């Protein structure tokens, strides 16, 4: 846990690459690109983010590792309302 000393709730919200590709394809900056192109861009971005994290925090660091977070949510399986319902008890206490 890189930021253990912070008084914060760490929530990781993720979705599989297929779901992210489908969602991103409706964003203006991806308009006119094929789903395959968007998928490639997103996969490359993820690799770059892992690489940047390792440059900052060491070779073993991977932001996708669930042990860095208090809550891990798969947004591909949950609605926004369900996500809020899961997180709310942690911030309401």
N, C-alpha and C. Protein backbone atom coordinates (compact mmCIF):
# COMPACT_ATOMS: atom_id res chain seq x y z
N UNK A 1 0.86 -1.17 0.00
CA UNK A 1 0.00 0.00 0.00
C UNK A 1 0.89 1.22 0.00
N UNK A 2 1.01 1.89 -1.11
CA UNK A 2 1.93 3.01 -1.27
C UNK A 2 1.58 4.18 -0.34
N UNK A 3 0.30 4.47 -0.18
CA UNK A 3 -0.13 5.65 0.56
C UNK A 3 -0.81 5.29 1.87
N UNK A 4 -0.30 4.33 2.58
CA UNK A 4 -0.91 3.85 3.83
C UNK A 4 -1.18 4.95 4.84
N UNK A 5 -0.35 5.94 4.89
CA UNK A 5 -0.46 6.96 5.92
C UNK A 5 -1.52 8.01 5.62
N UNK A 6 -2.10 7.99 4.46
CA UNK A 6 -3.14 8.96 4.13
C UNK A 6 -4.47 8.54 4.73
N UNK A 7 -5.22 9.51 5.18
CA UNK A 7 -6.56 9.24 5.67
C UNK A 7 -7.51 9.33 4.48
N UNK A 8 -7.62 8.23 3.77
CA UNK A 8 -8.40 8.21 2.53
C UNK A 8 -8.94 6.81 2.29
N UNK A 9 -10.00 6.74 1.53
CA UNK A 9 -10.56 5.48 1.09
C UNK A 9 -10.11 5.25 -0.34
N UNK A 10 -9.42 4.16 -0.57
CA UNK A 10 -8.92 3.86 -1.91
C UNK A 10 -9.87 2.88 -2.59
N UNK A 11 -10.45 3.33 -3.70
CA UNK A 11 -11.41 2.53 -4.45
C UNK A 11 -10.86 2.37 -5.88
N UNK A 12 -10.79 1.12 -6.32
CA UNK A 12 -10.36 0.84 -7.68
C UNK A 12 -11.57 0.36 -8.47
N UNK A 13 -11.92 1.11 -9.49
CA UNK A 13 -13.04 0.75 -10.35
C UNK A 13 -12.44 0.34 -11.69
N UNK A 14 -12.77 -0.87 -12.11
CA UNK A 14 -12.20 -1.38 -13.35
C UNK A 14 -13.28 -2.06 -14.19
N UNK A 15 -12.94 -2.30 -15.43
CA UNK A 15 -13.77 -3.10 -16.34
C UNK A 15 -12.82 -3.79 -17.30
N UNK A 16 -13.26 -4.89 -17.87
CA UNK A 16 -12.41 -5.60 -18.82
C UNK A 16 -12.21 -4.75 -20.08
N UNK A 17 -11.21 -5.10 -20.85
CA UNK A 17 -10.85 -4.31 -22.03
C UNK A 17 -11.99 -4.22 -23.03
N UNK A 18 -12.75 -5.28 -23.20
CA UNK A 18 -13.88 -5.25 -24.14
C UNK A 18 -14.91 -4.20 -23.72
N UNK A 19 -15.24 -4.17 -22.43
CA UNK A 19 -16.21 -3.22 -21.91
C UNK A 19 -15.68 -1.79 -22.06
N UNK A 20 -14.42 -1.59 -21.71
CA UNK A 20 -13.83 -0.26 -21.83
C UNK A 20 -13.79 0.20 -23.28
N UNK A 21 -13.50 -0.72 -24.18
CA UNK A 21 -13.46 -0.39 -25.61
C UNK A 21 -14.84 0.06 -26.08
N UNK A 22 -15.85 -0.70 -25.71
CA UNK A 22 -17.22 -0.36 -26.12
C UNK A 22 -17.62 1.01 -25.58
N UNK A 23 -17.31 1.27 -24.33
CA UNK A 23 -17.65 2.57 -23.71
C UNK A 23 -16.89 3.71 -24.36
N UNK A 24 -15.60 3.51 -24.58
CA UNK A 24 -14.75 4.57 -25.12
C UNK A 24 -15.10 4.91 -26.57
N UNK A 25 -15.64 3.96 -27.29
CA UNK A 25 -15.93 4.21 -28.71
C UNK A 25 -16.94 5.33 -28.91
N UNK A 26 -17.70 5.67 -27.88
CA UNK A 26 -18.67 6.77 -28.00
C UNK A 26 -18.08 8.12 -27.60
N UNK A 27 -16.84 8.14 -27.13
CA UNK A 27 -16.18 9.38 -26.74
C UNK A 27 -15.67 10.08 -28.00
N UNK A 28 -15.82 11.38 -28.05
CA UNK A 28 -15.51 12.16 -29.24
C UNK A 28 -14.10 11.90 -29.78
N UNK A 29 -13.11 11.79 -28.92
CA UNK A 29 -11.73 11.64 -29.43
C UNK A 29 -11.50 10.30 -30.12
N UNK A 30 -12.41 9.35 -29.94
CA UNK A 30 -12.28 8.05 -30.60
C UNK A 30 -13.24 7.91 -31.79
N UNK A 31 -14.03 8.92 -32.06
CA UNK A 31 -14.95 8.87 -33.19
C UNK A 31 -14.17 8.66 -34.48
N UNK A 32 -14.67 7.81 -35.34
CA UNK A 32 -14.01 7.52 -36.61
C UNK A 32 -12.97 6.42 -36.53
N UNK A 33 -12.71 5.93 -35.34
CA UNK A 33 -11.75 4.84 -35.18
C UNK A 33 -12.53 3.52 -35.05
N UNK A 34 -11.95 2.46 -35.53
CA UNK A 34 -12.59 1.16 -35.41
C UNK A 34 -12.49 0.68 -33.96
N UNK A 35 -13.33 -0.29 -33.60
CA UNK A 35 -13.26 -0.86 -32.25
C UNK A 35 -11.87 -1.49 -32.01
N UNK A 36 -11.31 -2.09 -33.03
CA UNK A 36 -9.98 -2.69 -32.89
C UNK A 36 -8.93 -1.62 -32.60
N UNK A 37 -9.04 -0.47 -33.27
CA UNK A 37 -8.10 0.63 -33.02
C UNK A 37 -8.25 1.17 -31.59
N UNK A 38 -9.49 1.35 -31.15
CA UNK A 38 -9.76 1.85 -29.80
C UNK A 38 -9.21 0.85 -28.77
N UNK A 39 -9.44 -0.42 -29.01
CA UNK A 39 -8.94 -1.46 -28.10
C UNK A 39 -7.42 -1.41 -28.01
N UNK A 40 -6.75 -1.25 -29.12
CA UNK A 40 -5.29 -1.16 -29.15
C UNK A 40 -4.81 0.07 -28.37
N UNK A 41 -5.46 1.20 -28.58
CA UNK A 41 -5.11 2.43 -27.87
C UNK A 41 -5.26 2.26 -26.36
N UNK A 42 -6.37 1.67 -25.94
CA UNK A 42 -6.62 1.49 -24.51
C UNK A 42 -5.64 0.50 -23.88
N UNK A 43 -5.33 -0.57 -24.60
CA UNK A 43 -4.37 -1.56 -24.09
C UNK A 43 -2.99 -0.92 -23.95
N UNK A 44 -2.61 -0.11 -24.92
CA UNK A 44 -1.31 0.57 -24.87
C UNK A 44 -1.29 1.57 -23.71
N UNK A 45 -2.38 2.28 -23.52
CA UNK A 45 -2.46 3.24 -22.42
C UNK A 45 -2.29 2.52 -21.08
N UNK A 46 -2.93 1.37 -20.92
CA UNK A 46 -2.81 0.61 -19.68
C UNK A 46 -1.36 0.19 -19.45
N UNK A 47 -0.71 -0.31 -20.48
CA UNK A 47 0.71 -0.69 -20.36
C UNK A 47 1.57 0.51 -19.96
N UNK A 48 1.29 1.67 -20.57
CA UNK A 48 2.03 2.88 -20.25
C UNK A 48 1.82 3.30 -18.80
N UNK A 49 0.59 3.18 -18.31
CA UNK A 49 0.30 3.57 -16.93
C UNK A 49 1.00 2.63 -15.94
N UNK A 50 1.04 1.34 -16.25
CA UNK A 50 1.77 0.40 -15.41
C UNK A 50 3.25 0.76 -15.41
N UNK A 51 3.79 1.05 -16.56
CA UNK A 51 5.20 1.41 -16.69
C UNK A 51 5.51 2.68 -15.89
N UNK A 52 4.66 3.69 -15.99
CA UNK A 52 4.88 4.93 -15.24
C UNK A 52 4.83 4.68 -13.73
N UNK A 53 3.90 3.84 -13.30
CA UNK A 53 3.80 3.50 -11.88
C UNK A 53 5.06 2.81 -11.40
N UNK A 54 5.60 1.94 -12.22
CA UNK A 54 6.83 1.23 -11.84
C UNK A 54 8.02 2.17 -11.80
N UNK A 55 8.04 3.14 -12.71
CA UNK A 55 9.11 4.16 -12.67
C UNK A 55 9.05 4.96 -11.38
N UNK A 56 7.85 5.24 -10.91
CA UNK A 56 7.67 6.05 -9.70
C UNK A 56 7.86 5.26 -8.42
N UNK A 57 7.32 4.03 -8.37
CA UNK A 57 7.22 3.30 -7.12
C UNK A 57 8.02 1.99 -7.07
N UNK A 58 8.70 1.63 -8.15
CA UNK A 58 9.50 0.42 -8.15
C UNK A 58 8.92 -0.65 -9.06
N UNK A 59 9.76 -1.56 -9.45
CA UNK A 59 9.41 -2.59 -10.44
C UNK A 59 8.26 -3.49 -10.04
N UNK A 60 8.04 -3.67 -8.77
CA UNK A 60 6.98 -4.58 -8.31
C UNK A 60 5.60 -3.92 -8.33
N UNK A 61 5.55 -2.59 -8.44
CA UNK A 61 4.27 -1.88 -8.34
C UNK A 61 3.41 -2.09 -9.58
N UNK A 62 2.14 -2.33 -9.33
CA UNK A 62 1.14 -2.41 -10.40
C UNK A 62 -0.16 -1.85 -9.83
N UNK A 63 -0.60 -0.72 -10.37
CA UNK A 63 -1.78 -0.05 -9.83
C UNK A 63 -3.01 -0.94 -9.87
N UNK A 64 -3.01 -1.98 -10.69
CA UNK A 64 -4.17 -2.87 -10.81
C UNK A 64 -4.23 -3.92 -9.70
N UNK A 65 -3.19 -4.01 -8.89
CA UNK A 65 -3.13 -5.00 -7.82
C UNK A 65 -4.11 -4.61 -6.71
N UNK A 66 -5.03 -5.49 -6.41
CA UNK A 66 -6.11 -5.17 -5.48
C UNK A 66 -5.63 -4.88 -4.06
N UNK A 67 -4.44 -5.30 -3.68
CA UNK A 67 -3.99 -5.05 -2.31
C UNK A 67 -3.71 -3.58 -2.04
N UNK A 68 -3.69 -2.73 -3.07
CA UNK A 68 -3.49 -1.29 -2.91
C UNK A 68 -4.79 -0.57 -2.51
N UNK A 69 -5.91 -1.27 -2.52
CA UNK A 69 -7.22 -0.63 -2.38
C UNK A 69 -8.04 -1.22 -1.24
N UNK A 70 -8.91 -0.40 -0.71
CA UNK A 70 -9.87 -0.87 0.29
C UNK A 70 -11.05 -1.58 -0.37
N UNK A 71 -11.45 -1.05 -1.53
CA UNK A 71 -12.59 -1.59 -2.27
C UNK A 71 -12.19 -1.73 -3.73
N UNK A 72 -12.57 -2.84 -4.35
CA UNK A 72 -12.34 -3.07 -5.77
C UNK A 72 -13.69 -3.39 -6.41
N UNK A 73 -14.05 -2.61 -7.43
CA UNK A 73 -15.35 -2.76 -8.08
C UNK A 73 -15.17 -3.04 -9.57
N UNK A 74 -15.87 -4.03 -10.07
CA UNK A 74 -15.89 -4.31 -11.50
C UNK A 74 -17.09 -3.57 -12.09
N UNK A 75 -16.83 -2.43 -12.72
CA UNK A 75 -17.92 -1.62 -13.25
C UNK A 75 -18.58 -2.25 -14.47
N UNK A 76 -17.97 -3.30 -15.00
CA UNK A 76 -18.59 -4.04 -16.09
C UNK A 76 -19.77 -4.86 -15.62
N UNK A 77 -19.80 -5.15 -14.31
CA UNK A 77 -20.87 -5.96 -13.73
C UNK A 77 -21.83 -5.17 -12.85
N UNK A 78 -21.53 -3.90 -12.61
CA UNK A 78 -22.32 -3.09 -11.68
C UNK A 78 -22.81 -1.82 -12.34
N UNK A 79 -23.96 -1.36 -11.92
CA UNK A 79 -24.43 -0.05 -12.35
C UNK A 79 -23.78 1.00 -11.45
N UNK A 80 -23.85 2.25 -11.84
CA UNK A 80 -23.31 3.32 -11.01
C UNK A 80 -24.02 3.33 -9.66
N UNK A 81 -25.31 3.09 -9.65
CA UNK A 81 -26.08 3.07 -8.41
C UNK A 81 -25.58 1.96 -7.48
N UNK A 82 -25.28 0.80 -8.05
CA UNK A 82 -24.76 -0.31 -7.24
C UNK A 82 -23.38 0.01 -6.69
N UNK A 83 -22.56 0.67 -7.49
CA UNK A 83 -21.24 1.06 -7.03
C UNK A 83 -21.35 2.03 -5.84
N UNK A 84 -22.23 3.01 -5.97
CA UNK A 84 -22.44 3.98 -4.89
C UNK A 84 -22.94 3.27 -3.63
N UNK A 85 -23.85 2.34 -3.79
CA UNK A 85 -24.39 1.60 -2.64
C UNK A 85 -23.31 0.80 -1.92
N UNK A 86 -22.31 0.32 -2.65
CA UNK A 86 -21.21 -0.42 -2.04
C UNK A 86 -20.26 0.53 -1.30
N UNK A 87 -19.96 1.65 -1.90
CA UNK A 87 -18.98 2.58 -1.33
C UNK A 87 -19.56 3.43 -0.20
N UNK A 88 -20.80 3.81 -0.32
CA UNK A 88 -21.41 4.74 0.65
C UNK A 88 -21.22 4.32 2.11
N UNK A 89 -21.42 3.09 2.51
CA UNK A 89 -21.22 2.74 3.94
C UNK A 89 -19.81 3.02 4.46
N UNK A 90 -18.83 2.98 3.59
CA UNK A 90 -17.46 3.23 4.00
C UNK A 90 -17.19 4.71 4.25
N UNK A 91 -17.97 5.58 3.60
CA UNK A 91 -17.76 7.02 3.79
C UNK A 91 -18.80 7.64 4.71
N UNK A 92 -19.80 6.88 5.07
CA UNK A 92 -20.86 7.39 5.93
C UNK A 92 -20.60 7.13 7.41
N UNK A 93 -19.57 6.34 7.70
CA UNK A 93 -19.34 6.00 9.11
C UNK A 93 -18.45 6.97 9.83
